[in-house]
């Protein structure tokens, strides 16, 4: 499987990762939860990158994009029925 396919598989896990982190670190600050989610995603993508032959040429930009994706997932979840269940 090529890099893009593996990357998309990893990204598809973002909502589950964010929900899992929220469940585990619910009382922590948003920054702490984001750092935990980013760590999980980086680990998953790192494994993907290793399998795909090191296709990430700018890790800084890549991690910045992961941060933005996590923020987007959190915004989507907070704007959805999922957020209402917690209230």
PDB file of N, CA and C in Angstrom:
ATOM      1  N   UNK A   1       0.849  -1.177   0.000  1.00  0.00           N
ATOM      2  CA  UNK A   1       0.000   0.000   0.000  1.00  0.00           C
ATOM      3  C   UNK A   1       0.891   1.237   0.000  1.00  0.00           C
ATOM      4  N   UNK A   2       0.538   2.258  -0.780  1.00  0.00           N
ATOM      5  CA  UNK A   2       1.389   3.435  -0.875  1.00  0.00           C
ATOM      6  C   UNK A   2       1.217   4.362   0.318  1.00  0.00           C
ATOM      7  N   UNK A   3       2.087   5.358   0.388  1.00  0.00           N
ATOM      8  CA  UNK A   3       2.118   6.272   1.526  1.00  0.00           C
ATOM      9  C   UNK A   3       0.794   6.992   1.728  1.00  0.00           C
ATOM     10  N   UNK A   4       0.204   7.509   0.661  1.00  0.00           N
ATOM     11  CA  UNK A   4      -1.047   8.267   0.786  1.00  0.00           C
ATOM     12  C   UNK A   4      -2.143   7.395   1.381  1.00  0.00           C
ATOM     13  N   UNK A   5      -2.252   6.165   0.937  1.00  0.00           N
ATOM     14  CA  UNK A   5      -3.268   5.260   1.479  1.00  0.00           C
ATOM     15  C   UNK A   5      -3.048   5.019   2.966  1.00  0.00           C
ATOM     16  N   UNK A   6      -1.805   4.790   3.354  1.00  0.00           N
ATOM     17  CA  UNK A   6      -1.505   4.552   4.769  1.00  0.00           C
ATOM     18  C   UNK A   6      -1.732   5.811   5.598  1.00  0.00           C
ATOM     19  N   UNK A   7      -1.377   6.961   5.043  1.00  0.00           N
ATOM     20  CA  UNK A   7      -1.602   8.223   5.745  1.00  0.00           C
ATOM     21  C   UNK A   7      -3.092   8.446   5.975  1.00  0.00           C
ATOM     22  N   UNK A   8      -3.895   8.203   4.951  1.00  0.00           N
ATOM     23  CA  UNK A   8      -5.343   8.380   5.089  1.00  0.00           C
ATOM     24  C   UNK A   8      -5.928   7.409   6.111  1.00  0.00           C
ATOM     25  N   UNK A   9      -5.377   6.207   6.183  1.00  0.00           N
ATOM     26  CA  UNK A   9      -5.820   5.259   7.214  1.00  0.00           C
ATOM     27  C   UNK A   9      -5.515   5.820   8.593  1.00  0.00           C
ATOM     28  N   UNK A  10      -4.322   6.373   8.766  1.00  0.00           N
ATOM     29  CA  UNK A  10      -3.949   6.960  10.054  1.00  0.00           C
ATOM     30  C   UNK A  10      -4.824   8.136  10.420  1.00  0.00           C
ATOM     31  N   UNK A  11      -5.103   8.997   9.439  1.00  0.00           N
ATOM     32  CA  UNK A  11      -5.954  10.166   9.682  1.00  0.00           C
ATOM     33  C   UNK A  11      -7.373   9.743  10.034  1.00  0.00           C
ATOM     34  N   UNK A  12      -7.828   8.653   9.469  1.00  0.00           N
ATOM     35  CA  UNK A  12      -9.195   8.201   9.760  1.00  0.00           C
ATOM     36  C   UNK A  12      -9.358   7.819  11.231  1.00  0.00           C
ATOM     37  N   UNK A  13      -8.254   7.592  11.909  1.00  0.00           N
ATOM     38  CA  UNK A  13      -8.314   7.254  13.333  1.00  0.00           C
ATOM     39  C   UNK A  13      -8.411   8.477  14.234  1.00  0.00           C
ATOM     40  N   UNK A  14      -8.239   9.679  13.681  1.00  0.00           N
ATOM     41  CA  UNK A  14      -8.234  10.891  14.505  1.00  0.00           C
ATOM     42  C   UNK A  14      -9.449  11.044  15.416  1.00  0.00           C
ATOM     43  N   UNK A  15     -10.673  10.907  14.919  1.00  0.00           N
ATOM     44  CA  UNK A  15     -11.809  11.059  15.843  1.00  0.00           C
ATOM     45  C   UNK A  15     -11.766  10.074  17.008  1.00  0.00           C
ATOM     46  N   UNK A  16     -11.409   8.837  16.748  1.00  0.00           N
ATOM     47  CA  UNK A  16     -11.334   7.844  17.818  1.00  0.00           C
ATOM     48  C   UNK A  16     -10.230   8.189  18.805  1.00  0.00           C
ATOM     49  N   UNK A  17      -9.096   8.667  18.294  1.00  0.00           N
ATOM     50  CA  UNK A  17      -7.989   9.055  19.170  1.00  0.00           C
ATOM     51  C   UNK A  17      -8.403  10.231  20.048  1.00  0.00           C
ATOM     52  N   UNK A  18      -9.029  11.240  19.443  1.00  0.00           N
ATOM     53  CA  UNK A  18      -9.447  12.417  20.205  1.00  0.00           C
ATOM     54  C   UNK A  18     -10.465  12.030  21.279  1.00  0.00           C
ATOM     55  N   UNK A  19     -11.430  11.186  20.936  1.00  0.00           N
ATOM     56  CA  UNK A  19     -12.419  10.748  21.925  1.00  0.00           C
ATOM     57  C   UNK A  19     -11.760   9.929  23.030  1.00  0.00           C
ATOM     58  N   UNK A  20     -10.832   9.068  22.662  1.00  0.00           N
ATOM     59  CA  UNK A  20     -10.126   8.271  23.665  1.00  0.00           C
ATOM     60  C   UNK A  20      -9.327   9.139  24.614  1.00  0.00           C
ATOM     61  N   UNK A  21      -8.631  10.119  24.073  1.00  0.00           N
ATOM     62  CA  UNK A  21      -7.852  11.036  24.909  1.00  0.00           C
ATOM     63  C   UNK A  21      -8.780  11.825  25.825  1.00  0.00           C
ATOM     64  N   UNK A  22      -9.909  12.253  25.300  1.00  0.00           N
ATOM     65  CA  UNK A  22     -10.879  12.986  26.129  1.00  0.00           C
ATOM     66  C   UNK A  22     -11.362  12.108  27.281  1.00  0.00           C
ATOM     67  N   UNK A  23     -11.614  10.838  26.993  1.00  0.00           N
ATOM     68  CA  UNK A  23     -12.050   9.929  28.046  1.00  0.00           C
ATOM     69  C   UNK A  23     -10.992   9.687  29.104  1.00  0.00           C
ATOM     70  N   UNK A  24      -9.745   9.598  28.683  1.00  0.00           N
ATOM     71  CA  UNK A  24      -8.650   9.316  29.615  1.00  0.00           C
ATOM     72  C   UNK A  24      -8.205  10.566  30.358  1.00  0.00           C
ATOM     73  N   UNK A  25      -8.094  11.689  29.640  1.00  0.00           N
ATOM     74  CA  UNK A  25      -7.545  12.917  30.210  1.00  0.00           C
ATOM     75  C   UNK A  25      -8.587  14.014  30.345  1.00  0.00           C
ATOM     76  N   UNK A  26      -9.844  13.659  30.516  1.00  0.00           N
ATOM     77  CA  UNK A  26     -10.943  14.621  30.544  1.00  0.00           C
ATOM     78  C   UNK A  26     -10.749  15.794  31.472  1.00  0.00           C
ATOM     79  N   UNK A  27     -10.121  15.587  32.636  1.00  0.00           N
ATOM     80  CA  UNK A  27      -9.948  16.660  33.614  1.00  0.00           C
ATOM     81  C   UNK A  27      -8.731  17.530  33.323  1.00  0.00           C
ATOM     82  N   UNK A  28      -7.888  17.123  32.413  1.00  0.00           N
ATOM     83  CA  UNK A  28      -6.674  17.891  32.081  1.00  0.00           C
ATOM     84  C   UNK A  28      -7.024  19.063  31.169  1.00  0.00           C
ATOM     85  N   UNK A  29      -6.055  19.957  30.980  1.00  0.00           N
ATOM     86  CA  UNK A  29      -6.273  21.115  30.109  1.00  0.00           C
ATOM     87  C   UNK A  29      -6.347  20.678  28.650  1.00  0.00           C
ATOM     88  N   UNK A  30      -6.905  21.554  27.832  1.00  0.00           N
ATOM     89  CA  UNK A  30      -6.984  21.284  26.403  1.00  0.00           C
ATOM     90  C   UNK A  30      -5.611  21.075  25.780  1.00  0.00           C
ATOM     91  N   UNK A  31      -4.629  21.853  26.246  1.00  0.00           N
ATOM     92  CA  UNK A  31      -3.265  21.728  25.712  1.00  0.00           C
ATOM     93  C   UNK A  31      -2.677  20.360  26.038  1.00  0.00           C
ATOM     94  N   UNK A  32      -2.931  19.873  27.250  1.00  0.00           N
ATOM     95  CA  UNK A  32      -2.433  18.544  27.635  1.00  0.00           C
ATOM     96  C   UNK A  32      -3.098  17.448  26.814  1.00  0.00           C
ATOM     97  N   UNK A  33      -4.394  17.587  26.593  1.00  0.00           N
ATOM     98  CA  UNK A  33      -5.115  16.583  25.794  1.00  0.00           C
ATOM     99  C   UNK A  33      -4.646  16.614  24.341  1.00  0.00           C
ATOM    100  N   UNK A  34      -4.410  17.824  23.810  1.00  0.00           N
ATOM    101  CA  UNK A  34      -3.933  17.935  22.437  1.00  0.00           C
ATOM    102  C   UNK A  34      -2.544  17.302  22.307  1.00  0.00           C
ATOM    103  N   UNK A  35      -1.690  17.528  23.281  1.00  0.00           N
ATOM    104  CA  UNK A  35      -0.346  16.935  23.250  1.00  0.00           C
ATOM    105  C   UNK A  35      -0.426  15.414  23.274  1.00  0.00           C
ATOM    106  N   UNK A  36      -1.330  14.877  24.075  1.00  0.00           N
ATOM    107  CA  UNK A  36      -1.492  13.418  24.143  1.00  0.00           C
ATOM    108  C   UNK A  36      -2.009  12.881  22.808  1.00  0.00           C
ATOM    109  N   UNK A  37      -3.010  13.548  22.237  1.00  0.00           N
ATOM    110  CA  UNK A  37      -3.550  13.110  20.944  1.00  0.00           C
ATOM    111  C   UNK A  37      -2.476  13.181  19.870  1.00  0.00           C
ATOM    112  N   UNK A  38      -1.704  14.265  19.867  1.00  0.00           N
ATOM    113  CA  UNK A  38      -0.639  14.408  18.879  1.00  0.00           C
ATOM    114  C   UNK A  38       0.396  13.302  19.030  1.00  0.00           C
ATOM    115  N   UNK A  39       0.705  12.945  20.255  1.00  0.00           N
ATOM    116  CA  UNK A  39       1.663  11.863  20.494  1.00  0.00           C
ATOM    117  C   UNK A  39       1.168  10.541  19.916  1.00  0.00           C
ATOM    118  N   UNK A  40      -0.108  10.236  20.141  1.00  0.00           N
ATOM    119  CA  UNK A  40      -0.687   9.007  19.585  1.00  0.00           C
ATOM    120  C   UNK A  40      -0.657   9.019  18.059  1.00  0.00           C
ATOM    121  N   UNK A  41      -1.046  10.162  17.477  1.00  0.00           N
ATOM    122  CA  UNK A  41      -1.085  10.263  16.019  1.00  0.00           C
ATOM    123  C   UNK A  41       0.327  10.191  15.444  1.00  0.00           C
ATOM    124  N   UNK A  42       1.275  10.889  16.071  1.00  0.00           N
ATOM    125  CA  UNK A  42       2.663  10.846  15.588  1.00  0.00           C
ATOM    126  C   UNK A  42       3.208   9.427  15.610  1.00  0.00           C
ATOM    127  N   UNK A  43       2.866   8.677  16.653  1.00  0.00           N
ATOM    128  CA  UNK A  43       3.310   7.292  16.740  1.00  0.00           C
ATOM    129  C   UNK A  43       2.720   6.475  15.595  1.00  0.00           C
ATOM    130  N   UNK A  44       1.425   6.651  15.363  1.00  0.00           N
ATOM    131  CA  UNK A  44       0.769   5.906  14.279  1.00  0.00           C
ATOM    132  C   UNK A  44       1.341   6.300  12.925  1.00  0.00           C
ATOM    133  N   UNK A  45       1.507   7.595  12.703  1.00  0.00           N
ATOM    134  CA  UNK A  45       2.029   8.057  11.418  1.00  0.00           C
ATOM    135  C   UNK A  45       3.501   7.685  11.286  1.00  0.00           C
ATOM    136  N   UNK A  46       4.248   7.703  12.386  1.00  0.00           N
ATOM    137  CA  UNK A  46       5.647   7.297  12.352  1.00  0.00           C
ATOM    138  C   UNK A  46       5.785   5.858  11.897  1.00  0.00           C
ATOM    139  N   UNK A  47       4.906   5.017  12.383  1.00  0.00           N
ATOM    140  CA  UNK A  47       4.915   3.619  11.949  1.00  0.00           C
ATOM    141  C   UNK A  47       4.546   3.537  10.474  1.00  0.00           C
ATOM    142  N   UNK A  48       3.577   4.337  10.060  1.00  0.00           N
ATOM    143  CA  UNK A  48       3.182   4.379   8.652  1.00  0.00           C
ATOM    144  C   UNK A  48       4.354   4.844   7.789  1.00  0.00           C
ATOM    145  N   UNK A  49       5.032   5.889   8.251  1.00  0.00           N
ATOM    146  CA  UNK A  49       6.168   6.426   7.489  1.00  0.00           C
ATOM    147  C   UNK A  49       7.284   5.391   7.373  1.00  0.00           C
ATOM    148  N   UNK A  50       7.545   4.669   8.445  1.00  0.00           N
ATOM    149  CA  UNK A  50       8.584   3.639   8.407  1.00  0.00           C
ATOM    150  C   UNK A  50       8.226   2.554   7.396  1.00  0.00           C
ATOM    151  N   UNK A  51       6.970   2.172   7.372  1.00  0.00           N
ATOM    152  CA  UNK A  51       6.526   1.143   6.433  1.00  0.00           C
ATOM    153  C   UNK A  51       6.529   1.641   4.994  1.00  0.00           C
ATOM    154  N   UNK A  52       6.304   2.916   4.818  1.00  0.00           N
ATOM    155  CA  UNK A  52       6.173   3.457   3.471  1.00  0.00           C
ATOM    156  C   UNK A  52       7.490   3.978   2.901  1.00  0.00           C
ATOM    157  N   UNK A  53       8.576   3.834   3.617  1.00  0.00           N
ATOM    158  CA  UNK A  53       9.866   4.226   3.065  1.00  0.00           C
ATOM    159  C   UNK A  53      10.266   5.663   3.316  1.00  0.00           C
ATOM    160  N   UNK A  54       9.895   6.221   4.456  1.00  0.00           N
ATOM    161  CA  UNK A  54      10.323   7.571   4.845  1.00  0.00           C
ATOM    162  C   UNK A  54       9.931   8.636   3.824  1.00  0.00           C
ATOM    163  N   UNK A  55       8.654   8.785   3.595  1.00  0.00           N
ATOM    164  CA  UNK A  55       8.172   9.774   2.635  1.00  0.00           C
ATOM    165  C   UNK A  55       7.941  11.159   3.230  1.00  0.00           C
ATOM    166  N   UNK A  56       8.095  11.317   4.532  1.00  0.00           N
ATOM    167  CA  UNK A  56       7.919  12.627   5.161  1.00  0.00           C
ATOM    168  C   UNK A  56       9.262  13.347   5.095  1.00  0.00           C
ATOM    169  N   UNK A  57       9.332  14.414   4.294  1.00  0.00           N
ATOM    170  CA  UNK A  57      10.596  15.111   4.107  1.00  0.00           C
ATOM    171  C   UNK A  57      10.727  16.353   4.982  1.00  0.00           C
ATOM    172  N   UNK A  58       9.602  16.861   5.522  1.00  0.00           N
ATOM    173  CA  UNK A  58       9.639  18.019   6.418  1.00  0.00           C
ATOM    174  C   UNK A  58       8.779  17.718   7.641  1.00  0.00           C
ATOM    175  N   UNK A  59       9.370  17.056   8.652  1.00  0.00           N
ATOM    176  CA  UNK A  59       8.604  16.671   9.842  1.00  0.00           C
ATOM    177  C   UNK A  59       7.943  17.845  10.556  1.00  0.00           C
ATOM    178  N   UNK A  60       8.575  19.016  10.552  1.00  0.00           N
ATOM    179  CA  UNK A  60       7.984  20.184  11.211  1.00  0.00           C
ATOM    180  C   UNK A  60       6.662  20.586  10.588  1.00  0.00           C
ATOM    181  N   UNK A  61       6.643  20.701   9.276  1.00  0.00           N
ATOM    182  CA  UNK A  61       5.401  21.049   8.573  1.00  0.00           C
ATOM    183  C   UNK A  61       4.366  19.940   8.727  1.00  0.00           C
ATOM    184  N   UNK A  62       4.838  18.708   8.712  1.00  0.00           N
ATOM    185  CA  UNK A  62       3.932  17.575   8.854  1.00  0.00           C
ATOM    186  C   UNK A  62       3.249  17.611  10.222  1.00  0.00           C
ATOM    187  N   UNK A  63       4.037  17.846  11.287  1.00  0.00           N
ATOM    188  CA  UNK A  63       3.464  17.915  12.633  1.00  0.00           C
ATOM    189  C   UNK A  63       2.541  19.115  12.791  1.00  0.00           C
ATOM    190  N   UNK A  64       2.874  20.240  12.143  1.00  0.00           N
ATOM    191  CA  UNK A  64       1.991  21.403  12.171  1.00  0.00           C
ATOM    192  C   UNK A  64       0.640  21.054  11.549  1.00  0.00           C
ATOM    193  N   UNK A  65       0.685  20.330  10.438  1.00  0.00           N
ATOM    194  CA  UNK A  65      -0.565  19.911   9.791  1.00  0.00           C
ATOM    195  C   UNK A  65      -1.352  18.953  10.688  1.00  0.00           C
ATOM    196  N   UNK A  66      -0.662  18.037  11.383  1.00  0.00           N
ATOM    197  CA  UNK A  66      -1.348  17.137  12.310  1.00  0.00           C
ATOM    198  C   UNK A  66      -2.031  17.932  13.423  1.00  0.00           C
ATOM    199  N   UNK A  67      -1.351  18.949  13.939  1.00  0.00           N
ATOM    200  CA  UNK A  67      -1.955  19.810  14.965  1.00  0.00           C
ATOM    201  C   UNK A  67      -3.243  20.439  14.450  1.00  0.00           C
ATOM    202  N   UNK A  68      -3.210  20.934  13.226  1.00  0.00           N
ATOM    203  CA  UNK A  68      -4.402  21.563  12.651  1.00  0.00           C
ATOM    204  C   UNK A  68      -5.527  20.549  12.462  1.00  0.00           C
ATOM    205  N   UNK A  69      -5.174  19.334  12.064  1.00  0.00           N
ATOM    206  CA  UNK A  69      -6.203  18.299  11.885  1.00  0.00           C
ATOM    207  C   UNK A  69      -6.835  17.934  13.225  1.00  0.00           C
ATOM    208  N   UNK A  70      -6.021  17.832  14.273  1.00  0.00           N
ATOM    209  CA  UNK A  70      -6.566  17.524  15.603  1.00  0.00           C
ATOM    210  C   UNK A  70      -7.499  18.643  16.043  1.00  0.00           C
ATOM    211  N   UNK A  71      -7.083  19.905  15.833  1.00  0.00           N
ATOM    212  CA  UNK A  71      -7.962  21.036  16.171  1.00  0.00           C
ATOM    213  C   UNK A  71      -9.282  20.945  15.418  1.00  0.00           C
ATOM    214  N   UNK A  72      -9.228  20.579  14.146  1.00  0.00           N
ATOM    215  CA  UNK A  72     -10.443  20.455  13.345  1.00  0.00           C
ATOM    216  C   UNK A  72     -11.362  19.360  13.844  1.00  0.00           C
ATOM    217  N   UNK A  73     -10.779  18.218  14.205  1.00  0.00           N
ATOM    218  CA  UNK A  73     -11.588  17.120  14.735  1.00  0.00           C
ATOM    219  C   UNK A  73     -12.250  17.544  16.039  1.00  0.00           C
ATOM    220  N   UNK A  74     -11.503  18.215  16.900  1.00  0.00           N
ATOM    221  CA  UNK A  74     -12.071  18.678  18.175  1.00  0.00           C
ATOM    222  C   UNK A  74     -13.206  19.659  17.916  1.00  0.00           C
ATOM    223  N   UNK A  75     -13.028  20.580  16.977  1.00  0.00           N
ATOM    224  CA  UNK A  75     -14.098  21.529  16.652  1.00  0.00           C
ATOM    225  C   UNK A  75     -15.337  20.810  16.136  1.00  0.00           C
ATOM    226  N   UNK A  76     -15.138  19.825  15.279  1.00  0.00           N
ATOM    227  CA  UNK A  76     -16.279  19.060  14.761  1.00  0.00           C
ATOM    228  C   UNK A  76     -17.003  18.328  15.880  1.00  0.00           C
ATOM    229  N   UNK A  77     -16.244  17.674  16.734  1.00  0.00           N
ATOM    230  CA  UNK A  77     -16.870  16.931  17.828  1.00  0.00           C
ATOM    231  C   UNK A  77     -17.567  17.867  18.803  1.00  0.00           C
ATOM    232  N   UNK A  78     -16.964  19.016  19.104  1.00  0.00           N
ATOM    233  CA  UNK A  78     -17.581  19.969  20.028  1.00  0.00           C
ATOM    234  C   UNK A  78     -18.852  20.589  19.451  1.00  0.00           C
ATOM    235  N   UNK A  79     -18.960  20.627  18.133  1.00  0.00           N
ATOM    236  CA  UNK A  79     -20.140  21.203  17.484  1.00  0.00           C
ATOM    237  C   UNK A  79     -21.203  20.157  17.178  1.00  0.00           C
ATOM    238  N   UNK A  80     -20.974  18.935  17.603  1.00  0.00           N
ATOM    239  CA  UNK A  80     -21.884  17.848  17.252  1.00  0.00           C
ATOM    240  C   UNK A  80     -22.679  17.371  18.453  1.00  0.00           C
ATOM    241  N   UNK A  81     -23.482  16.371  18.207  1.00  0.00           N
ATOM    242  CA  UNK A  81     -24.276  15.737  19.260  1.00  0.00           C
ATOM    243  C   UNK A  81     -23.358  15.140  20.328  1.00  0.00           C
ATOM    244  N   UNK A  82     -22.147  14.736  19.930  1.00  0.00           N
ATOM    245  CA  UNK A  82     -21.186  14.157  20.877  1.00  0.00           C
ATOM    246  C   UNK A  82     -20.965  15.101  22.057  1.00  0.00           C
ATOM    247  N   UNK A  83     -20.852  16.406  21.816  1.00  0.00           N
ATOM    248  CA  UNK A  83     -20.618  17.372  22.876  1.00  0.00           C
ATOM    249  C   UNK A  83     -21.835  17.477  23.782  1.00  0.00           C
ATOM    250  N   UNK A  84     -23.034  17.365  23.226  1.00  0.00           N
ATOM    251  CA  UNK A  84     -24.249  17.460  24.030  1.00  0.00           C
ATOM    252  C   UNK A  84     -24.367  16.305  25.016  1.00  0.00           C
ATOM    253  N   UNK A  85     -23.868  15.139  24.679  1.00  0.00           N
ATOM    254  CA  UNK A  85     -23.935  13.987  25.563  1.00  0.00           C
ATOM    255  C   UNK A  85     -23.140  14.217  26.831  1.00  0.00           C
ATOM    256  N   UNK A  86     -22.069  14.998  26.744  1.00  0.00           N
ATOM    257  CA  UNK A  86     -21.204  15.234  27.892  1.00  0.00           C
ATOM    258  C   UNK A  86     -21.766  16.266  28.856  1.00  0.00           C
ATOM    259  N   UNK A  87     -22.693  17.099  28.390  1.00  0.00           N
ATOM    260  CA  UNK A  87     -23.199  18.208  29.217  1.00  0.00           C
ATOM    261  C   UNK A  87     -24.223  17.727  30.201  1.00  0.00           C
TER     262      UNK A  87
END
